[in-house]
Amino acid sequence: MKNLIYISFIIFFAVSCKKETSVVIQAKDYNTGDGTAYAGQEYAVSESWTPFQETKSKIVATGFLDDNGKASFNLKMKNNRKYVLGVSEPDNICYGGLVQHYLDHDKNNTVNFKYAQCSYLKINLNNVNCFDNNDQMHFRSKHGPEEWGSWSTYRYGCYSLSSPDYFEVPYGWTVYETEVIRNSITYIQRDSLFLDKSGFGELYINY
């Protein structure tokens, strides 16, 4: 019986003991690596555990990013609990948003939050070399740091389209890839445009 109590005590101590690790946060512009635009953003670390099938949580660390968009602090973490770091979402962001990051108990944590501000885009598609109504075209796009989007549905014949309004995309290079099937010949073209932060641009895709 004494051995059982002793073993139980060791197990309890092992899972509940605290280990101190360092946490470094760096928020920065995806394109330039500069963090000054994110000075003053609030961060918080949440601790969660499940004692009796009901998850509980509490905030164990808070603060604000410095003039360079950076913060560092030490955090004591219990082995049997989860720790999630979050940074408040900056204004006018089209990439990055409200991101949460699980912290590692066993090593120091360096967490980079990358953001891209919004810009505004219009596109104009025009089949300037129309052969007949059997012409086919579809396209996909990539904006700033984003991955390639899905291919659109096929558009047929002497097709043209102009977006009625500007729409938000992350600033930086925006690229449209168009696959065209005309007179039984397939080819792919790419059209690109660089958009500044909060800038407006119009991309003409003539195929």
C-alpha atoms as a PDB file:
ATOM      1  CA  MET A   1       0.000   0.000   0.000  1.00  0.00           C
ATOM      2  CA  LYS A   2       2.804   2.398   0.884  1.00  0.00           C
ATOM      3  CA  ASN A   3       4.517   1.584  -2.415  1.00  0.00           C
ATOM      4  CA  LEU A   4       1.302   2.350  -4.313  1.00  0.00           C
ATOM      5  CA  ILE A   5       0.950   5.724  -2.587  1.00  0.00           C
ATOM      6  CA  TYR A   6       4.609   6.485  -3.267  1.00  0.00           C
ATOM      7  CA  ILE A   7       4.256   5.604  -6.969  1.00  0.00           C
ATOM      8  CA  SER A   8       1.073   7.685  -7.251  1.00  0.00           C
ATOM      9  CA  PHE A   9       2.880  10.635  -5.691  1.00  0.00           C
ATOM     10  CA  ILE A  10       5.744  10.318  -8.191  1.00  0.00           C
ATOM     11  CA  ILE A  11       3.327  10.175 -11.148  1.00  0.00           C
ATOM     12  CA  PHE A  12       1.386  13.205  -9.880  1.00  0.00           C
ATOM     13  CA  PHE A  13       4.582  15.163  -9.399  1.00  0.00           C
ATOM     14  CA  ALA A  14       5.886  14.217 -12.859  1.00  0.00           C
ATOM     15  CA  VAL A  15       2.785  15.374 -14.724  1.00  0.00           C
ATOM     16  CA  SER A  16       2.144  18.516 -12.718  1.00  0.00           C
ATOM     17  CA  CYS A  17       5.636  19.934 -12.261  1.00  0.00           C
ATOM     18  CA  LYS A  18       6.433  23.180 -14.046  1.00  0.00           C
ATOM     19  CA  LYS A  19       9.218  23.751 -16.539  1.00  0.00           C
ATOM     20  CA  GLU A  20      10.272  27.276 -17.440  1.00  0.00           C
ATOM     21  CA  THR A  21      10.848  28.048 -21.103  1.00  0.00           C
ATOM     22  CA  SER A  22      11.439  31.270 -22.983  1.00  0.00           C
ATOM     23  CA  VAL A  23       8.992  32.593 -25.570  1.00  0.00           C
ATOM     24  CA  VAL A  24       9.950  35.061 -28.300  1.00  0.00           C
ATOM     25  CA  ILE A  25       7.271  36.637 -30.506  1.00  0.00           C
ATOM     26  CA  GLN A  26       8.030  38.475 -33.737  1.00  0.00           C
ATOM     27  CA  ALA A  27       5.281  39.999 -35.865  1.00  0.00           C
ATOM     28  CA  LYS A  28       6.428  41.185 -39.280  1.00  0.00           C
ATOM     29  CA  ASP A  29       5.443  42.180 -42.758  1.00  0.00           C
ATOM     30  CA  TYR A  30       5.491  39.131 -45.026  1.00  0.00           C
ATOM     31  CA  ASN A  31       7.273  40.927 -47.865  1.00  0.00           C
ATOM     32  CA  THR A  32       9.737  43.179 -46.044  1.00  0.00           C
ATOM     33  CA  GLY A  33      10.283  41.439 -42.681  1.00  0.00           C
ATOM     34  CA  ASP A  34       9.726  44.755 -40.873  1.00  0.00           C
ATOM     35  CA  GLY A  35       7.735  44.612 -37.629  1.00  0.00           C
ATOM     36  CA  THR A  36       7.237  48.292 -36.797  1.00  0.00           C
ATOM     37  CA  ALA A  37       3.680  48.350 -38.198  1.00  0.00           C
ATOM     38  CA  TYR A  38       2.641  45.878 -35.509  1.00  0.00           C
ATOM     39  CA  ALA A  39       4.008  47.709 -32.461  1.00  0.00           C
ATOM     40  CA  GLY A  40       1.510  47.734 -29.616  1.00  0.00           C
ATOM     41  CA  GLN A  41      -0.409  44.623 -30.690  1.00  0.00           C
ATOM     42  CA  GLU A  42      -1.554  42.663 -27.649  1.00  0.00           C
ATOM     43  CA  TYR A  43      -0.544  39.051 -27.083  1.00  0.00           C
ATOM     44  CA  ALA A  44      -1.839  36.472 -24.611  1.00  0.00           C
ATOM     45  CA  VAL A  45      -1.061  32.890 -23.577  1.00  0.00           C
ATOM     46  CA  SER A  46      -3.918  30.612 -22.561  1.00  0.00           C
ATOM     47  CA  GLU A  47      -3.434  27.541 -20.354  1.00  0.00           C
ATOM     48  CA  SER A  48      -5.994  24.729 -20.669  1.00  0.00           C
ATOM     49  CA  TRP A  49      -6.578  21.388 -18.962  1.00  0.00           C
ATOM     50  CA  THR A  50      -9.325  18.768 -18.671  1.00  0.00           C
ATOM     51  CA  PRO A  51      -9.746  17.560 -15.062  1.00  0.00           C
ATOM     52  CA  PHE A  52     -13.123  15.772 -15.350  1.00  0.00           C
ATOM     53  CA  GLN A  53     -14.195  15.661 -19.006  1.00  0.00           C
ATOM     54  CA  GLU A  54     -14.736  19.424 -18.993  1.00  0.00           C
ATOM     55  CA  THR A  55     -11.985  21.620 -20.409  1.00  0.00           C
ATOM     56  CA  LYS A  56     -10.986  24.614 -18.336  1.00  0.00           C
ATOM     57  CA  SER A  57      -8.700  27.476 -19.309  1.00  0.00           C
ATOM     58  CA  LYS A  58      -7.160  30.673 -18.000  1.00  0.00           C
ATOM     59  CA  ILE A  59      -4.871  33.420 -19.272  1.00  0.00           C
ATOM     60  CA  VAL A  60      -1.370  33.033 -17.801  1.00  0.00           C
ATOM     61  CA  ALA A  61       0.567  35.735 -19.698  1.00  0.00           C
ATOM     62  CA  THR A  62      -0.314  38.969 -21.510  1.00  0.00           C
ATOM     63  CA  GLY A  63       1.569  41.922 -22.906  1.00  0.00           C
ATOM     64  CA  PHE A  64       2.178  44.155 -25.907  1.00  0.00           C
ATOM     65  CA  LEU A  65       4.660  43.999 -28.779  1.00  0.00           C
ATOM     66  CA  ASP A  66       7.444  46.590 -28.662  1.00  0.00           C
ATOM     67  CA  ASP A  67       8.312  49.226 -31.280  1.00  0.00           C
ATOM     68  CA  ASN A  68       9.784  46.525 -33.527  1.00  0.00           C
ATOM     69  CA  GLY A  69       6.790  44.205 -33.235  1.00  0.00           C
ATOM     70  CA  LYS A  70       8.630  41.911 -30.837  1.00  0.00           C
ATOM     71  CA  ALA A  71       8.174  40.544 -27.299  1.00  0.00           C
ATOM     72  CA  SER A  72      10.015  38.019 -25.139  1.00  0.00           C
ATOM     73  CA  PHE A  73       9.196  36.511 -21.760  1.00  0.00           C
ATOM     74  CA  ASN A  74       9.660  33.388 -19.651  1.00  0.00           C
ATOM     75  CA  LEU A  75       6.772  31.037 -19.023  1.00  0.00           C
ATOM     76  CA  LYS A  76       6.392  28.176 -16.552  1.00  0.00           C
ATOM     77  CA  MET A  77       4.408  25.380 -18.186  1.00  0.00           C
ATOM     78  CA  LYS A  78       2.919  22.299 -16.543  1.00  0.00           C
ATOM     79  CA  ASN A  79       3.527  19.025 -18.358  1.00  0.00           C
ATOM     80  CA  ASN A  80      -0.126  17.980 -18.321  1.00  0.00           C
ATOM     81  CA  ARG A  81      -1.524  21.218 -19.745  1.00  0.00           C
ATOM     82  CA  LYS A  82      -1.709  22.914 -23.143  1.00  0.00           C
ATOM     83  CA  TYR A  83      -0.528  26.450 -23.853  1.00  0.00           C
ATOM     84  CA  VAL A  84      -1.717  28.524 -26.793  1.00  0.00           C
ATOM     85  CA  LEU A  85      -0.219  31.855 -27.843  1.00  0.00           C
ATOM     86  CA  GLY A  86      -2.281  34.390 -29.745  1.00  0.00           C
ATOM     87  CA  VAL A  87      -1.697  37.916 -31.039  1.00  0.00           C
ATOM     88  CA  SER A  88      -4.533  40.371 -31.648  1.00  0.00           C
ATOM     89  CA  GLU A  89      -5.356  40.907 -35.309  1.00  0.00           C
ATOM     90  CA  PRO A  90      -3.912  44.122 -36.802  1.00  0.00           C
ATOM     91  CA  ASP A  91      -6.090  46.471 -38.838  1.00  0.00           C
ATOM     92  CA  ASN A  92      -6.303  46.269 -42.638  1.00  0.00           C
ATOM     93  CA  ILE A  93      -4.860  42.752 -42.847  1.00  0.00           C
ATOM     94  CA  CYS A  94      -5.594  40.415 -45.764  1.00  0.00           C
ATOM     95  CA  TYR A  95      -3.071  37.719 -44.819  1.00  0.00           C
ATOM     96  CA  GLY A  96      -2.190  36.395 -41.369  1.00  0.00           C
ATOM     97  CA  GLY A  97      -5.270  37.391 -39.425  1.00  0.00           C
ATOM     98  CA  LEU A  98      -5.899  36.082 -35.927  1.00  0.00           C
ATOM     99  CA  VAL A  99      -3.389  33.243 -35.565  1.00  0.00           C
ATOM    100  CA  GLN A 100      -2.949  30.888 -32.613  1.00  0.00           C
ATOM    101  CA  HIS A 101       0.174  28.859 -31.920  1.00  0.00           C
ATOM    102  CA  TYR A 102       0.615  25.891 -29.569  1.00  0.00           C
ATOM    103  CA  LEU A 103       3.726  26.275 -27.429  1.00  0.00           C
ATOM    104  CA  ASP A 104       6.223  23.438 -26.971  1.00  0.00           C
ATOM    105  CA  HIS A 105       6.906  22.327 -23.399  1.00  0.00           C
ATOM    106  CA  ASP A 106      10.296  20.815 -24.164  1.00  0.00           C
ATOM    107  CA  LYS A 107      12.142  23.684 -25.822  1.00  0.00           C
ATOM    108  CA  ASN A 108      12.281  27.448 -26.100  1.00  0.00           C
ATOM    109  CA  ASN A 109       9.672  28.858 -28.457  1.00  0.00           C
ATOM    110  CA  THR A 110      10.303  31.407 -31.200  1.00  0.00           C
ATOM    111  CA  VAL A 111       7.046  32.278 -32.954  1.00  0.00           C
ATOM    112  CA  ASN A 112       6.863  34.419 -36.100  1.00  0.00           C
ATOM    113  CA  PHE A 113       3.557  35.974 -37.102  1.00  0.00           C
ATOM    114  CA  LYS A 114       3.637  37.134 -40.730  1.00  0.00           C
ATOM    115  CA  TYR A 115       1.104  39.604 -42.085  1.00  0.00           C
ATOM    116  CA  ALA A 116       0.301  41.324 -45.371  1.00  0.00           C
ATOM    117  CA  GLN A 117      -1.828  44.439 -45.558  1.00  0.00           C
ATOM    118  CA  CYS A 118      -4.678  44.757 -48.025  1.00  0.00           C
ATOM    119  CA  SER A 119      -4.642  46.147 -51.527  1.00  0.00           C
ATOM    120  CA  TYR A 120      -7.497  46.387 -54.013  1.00  0.00           C
ATOM    121  CA  LEU A 121      -7.820  44.732 -57.406  1.00  0.00           C
ATOM    122  CA  LYS A 122     -10.010  44.661 -60.497  1.00  0.00           C
ATOM    123  CA  ILE A 123      -9.563  42.117 -63.276  1.00  0.00           C
ATOM    124  CA  ASN A 124     -10.539  42.263 -66.937  1.00  0.00           C
ATOM    125  CA  LEU A 125     -10.660  39.052 -68.983  1.00  0.00           C
ATOM    126  CA  ASN A 126     -11.011  39.262 -72.762  1.00  0.00           C
ATOM    127  CA  ASN A 127     -10.699  36.643 -75.491  1.00  0.00           C
ATOM    128  CA  VAL A 128      -9.027  38.922 -78.030  1.00  0.00           C
ATOM    129  CA  ASN A 129      -8.181  36.038 -80.386  1.00  0.00           C
ATOM    130  CA  CYS A 130     -11.535  34.297 -80.452  1.00  0.00           C
ATOM    131  CA  PHE A 131     -11.675  31.381 -82.905  1.00  0.00           C
ATOM    132  CA  ASP A 132     -15.233  30.113 -82.353  1.00  0.00           C
ATOM    133  CA  ASN A 133     -17.742  29.147 -79.682  1.00  0.00           C
ATOM    134  CA  ASN A 134     -15.657  26.088 -78.783  1.00  0.00           C
ATOM    135  CA  ASP A 135     -12.876  28.211 -77.272  1.00  0.00           C
ATOM    136  CA  GLN A 136     -12.318  27.231 -73.633  1.00  0.00           C
ATOM    137  CA  MET A 137     -10.590  29.058 -70.820  1.00  0.00           C
ATOM    138  CA  HIS A 138     -10.214  28.742 -67.071  1.00  0.00           C
ATOM    139  CA  PHE A 139      -7.924  30.481 -64.613  1.00  0.00           C
ATOM    140  CA  ARG A 140      -6.495  30.468 -61.109  1.00  0.00           C
ATOM    141  CA  SER A 141      -4.819  33.163 -59.060  1.00  0.00           C
ATOM    142  CA  LYS A 142      -2.169  33.785 -56.431  1.00  0.00           C
ATOM    143  CA  HIS A 143      -2.089  36.974 -54.364  1.00  0.00           C
ATOM    144  CA  GLY A 144       0.987  38.035 -52.381  1.00  0.00           C
ATOM    145  CA  PRO A 145       2.018  35.307 -49.919  1.00  0.00           C
ATOM    146  CA  GLU A 146      -1.044  33.125 -50.534  1.00  0.00           C
ATOM    147  CA  GLU A 147      -0.893  29.714 -52.180  1.00  0.00           C
ATOM    148  CA  TRP A 148      -2.431  29.176 -55.597  1.00  0.00           C
ATOM    149  CA  GLY A 149      -6.231  29.164 -55.527  1.00  0.00           C
ATOM    150  CA  SER A 150      -8.437  26.588 -57.227  1.00  0.00           C
ATOM    151  CA  TRP A 151      -9.068  26.642 -60.959  1.00  0.00           C
ATOM    152  CA  SER A 152     -12.223  28.453 -62.012  1.00  0.00           C
ATOM    153  CA  THR A 153     -14.964  26.804 -64.035  1.00  0.00           C
ATOM    154  CA  TYR A 154     -14.448  26.817 -67.803  1.00  0.00           C
ATOM    155  CA  ARG A 155     -15.580  29.851 -69.786  1.00  0.00           C
ATOM    156  CA  TYR A 156     -16.540  29.328 -73.436  1.00  0.00           C
ATOM    157  CA  GLY A 157     -16.564  31.169 -76.737  1.00  0.00           C
ATOM    158  CA  CYS A 158     -15.693  34.838 -77.207  1.00  0.00           C
ATOM    159  CA  TYR A 159     -15.724  35.460 -73.493  1.00  0.00           C
ATOM    160  CA  SER A 160     -15.114  38.723 -71.667  1.00  0.00           C
ATOM    161  CA  LEU A 161     -15.484  39.753 -68.037  1.00  0.00           C
ATOM    162  CA  SER A 162     -14.746  42.856 -65.972  1.00  0.00           C
ATOM    163  CA  SER A 163     -15.121  42.728 -62.202  1.00  0.00           C
ATOM    164  CA  PRO A 164     -17.737  45.337 -61.225  1.00  0.00           C
ATOM    165  CA  ASP A 165     -15.914  46.475 -58.088  1.00  0.00           C
ATOM    166  CA  TYR A 166     -12.488  46.359 -56.520  1.00  0.00           C
ATOM    167  CA  PHE A 167     -11.915  43.439 -54.169  1.00  0.00           C
ATOM    168  CA  GLU A 168      -9.392  42.963 -51.378  1.00  0.00           C
ATOM    169  CA  VAL A 169      -6.227  40.915 -51.852  1.00  0.00           C
ATOM    170  CA  PRO A 170      -2.923  40.838 -49.905  1.00  0.00           C
ATOM    171  CA  TYR A 171      -0.492  43.465 -51.181  1.00  0.00           C
ATOM    172  CA  GLY A 172       2.468  42.373 -53.286  1.00  0.00           C
ATOM    173  CA  TRP A 173       2.542  40.475 -56.559  1.00  0.00           C
ATOM    174  CA  THR A 174      -0.802  39.193 -57.800  1.00  0.00           C
ATOM    175  CA  VAL A 175      -0.583  36.558 -60.537  1.00  0.00           C
ATOM    176  CA  TYR A 176      -3.277  35.039 -62.765  1.00  0.00           C
ATOM    177  CA  GLU A 177      -2.588  31.837 -64.681  1.00  0.00           C
ATOM    178  CA  THR A 178      -4.895  31.177 -67.623  1.00  0.00           C
ATOM    179  CA  GLU A 179      -5.227  27.891 -69.517  1.00  0.00           C
ATOM    180  CA  VAL A 180      -6.728  28.323 -72.994  1.00  0.00           C
ATOM    181  CA  ILE A 181      -7.926  25.694 -75.476  1.00  0.00           C
ATOM    182  CA  ARG A 182      -8.441  27.231 -78.902  1.00  0.00           C
ATOM    183  CA  ASN A 183      -8.692  25.414 -82.250  1.00  0.00           C
ATOM    184  CA  SER A 184      -7.591  22.172 -80.462  1.00  0.00           C
ATOM    185  CA  ILE A 185      -4.396  23.847 -79.216  1.00  0.00           C
ATOM    186  CA  THR A 186      -3.754  24.271 -75.471  1.00  0.00           C
ATOM    187  CA  TYR A 187      -1.504  26.919 -73.993  1.00  0.00           C
ATOM    188  CA  ILE A 188      -0.982  28.615 -70.633  1.00  0.00           C
ATOM    189  CA  GLN A 189      -0.219  32.273 -69.995  1.00  0.00           C
ATOM    190  CA  ARG A 190       0.541  34.247 -66.844  1.00  0.00           C
ATOM    191  CA  ASP A 191      -0.272  37.884 -66.146  1.00  0.00           C
ATOM    192  CA  SER A 192       0.941  39.727 -63.056  1.00  0.00           C
ATOM    193  CA  LEU A 193       0.670  43.071 -61.308  1.00  0.00           C
ATOM    194  CA  PHE A 194       2.358  44.493 -58.204  1.00  0.00           C
ATOM    195  CA  LEU A 195       0.006  46.155 -55.733  1.00  0.00           C
ATOM    196  CA  ASP A 196       1.227  48.497 -53.000  1.00  0.00           C
ATOM    197  CA  LYS A 197      -0.183  48.558 -49.458  1.00  0.00           C
ATOM    198  CA  SER A 198      -3.697  50.018 -49.617  1.00  0.00           C
ATOM    199  CA  GLY A 199      -3.110  50.543 -53.345  1.00  0.00           C
ATOM    200  CA  PHE A 200      -5.544  50.056 -56.224  1.00  0.00           C
ATOM    201  CA  GLY A 201      -4.741  48.208 -59.423  1.00  0.00           C
ATOM    202  CA  GLU A 202      -6.408  46.807 -62.525  1.00  0.00           C
ATOM    203  CA  LEU A 203      -5.138  43.698 -64.315  1.00  0.00           C
ATOM    204  CA  TYR A 204      -5.942  43.116 -67.992  1.00  0.00           C
ATOM    205  CA  ILE A 205      -5.840  39.507 -69.129  1.00  0.00           C
ATOM    206  CA  ASN A 206      -6.071  39.315 -72.915  1.00  0.00           C
ATOM    207  CA  TYR A 207      -5.871  35.780 -74.232  1.00  0.00           C
END
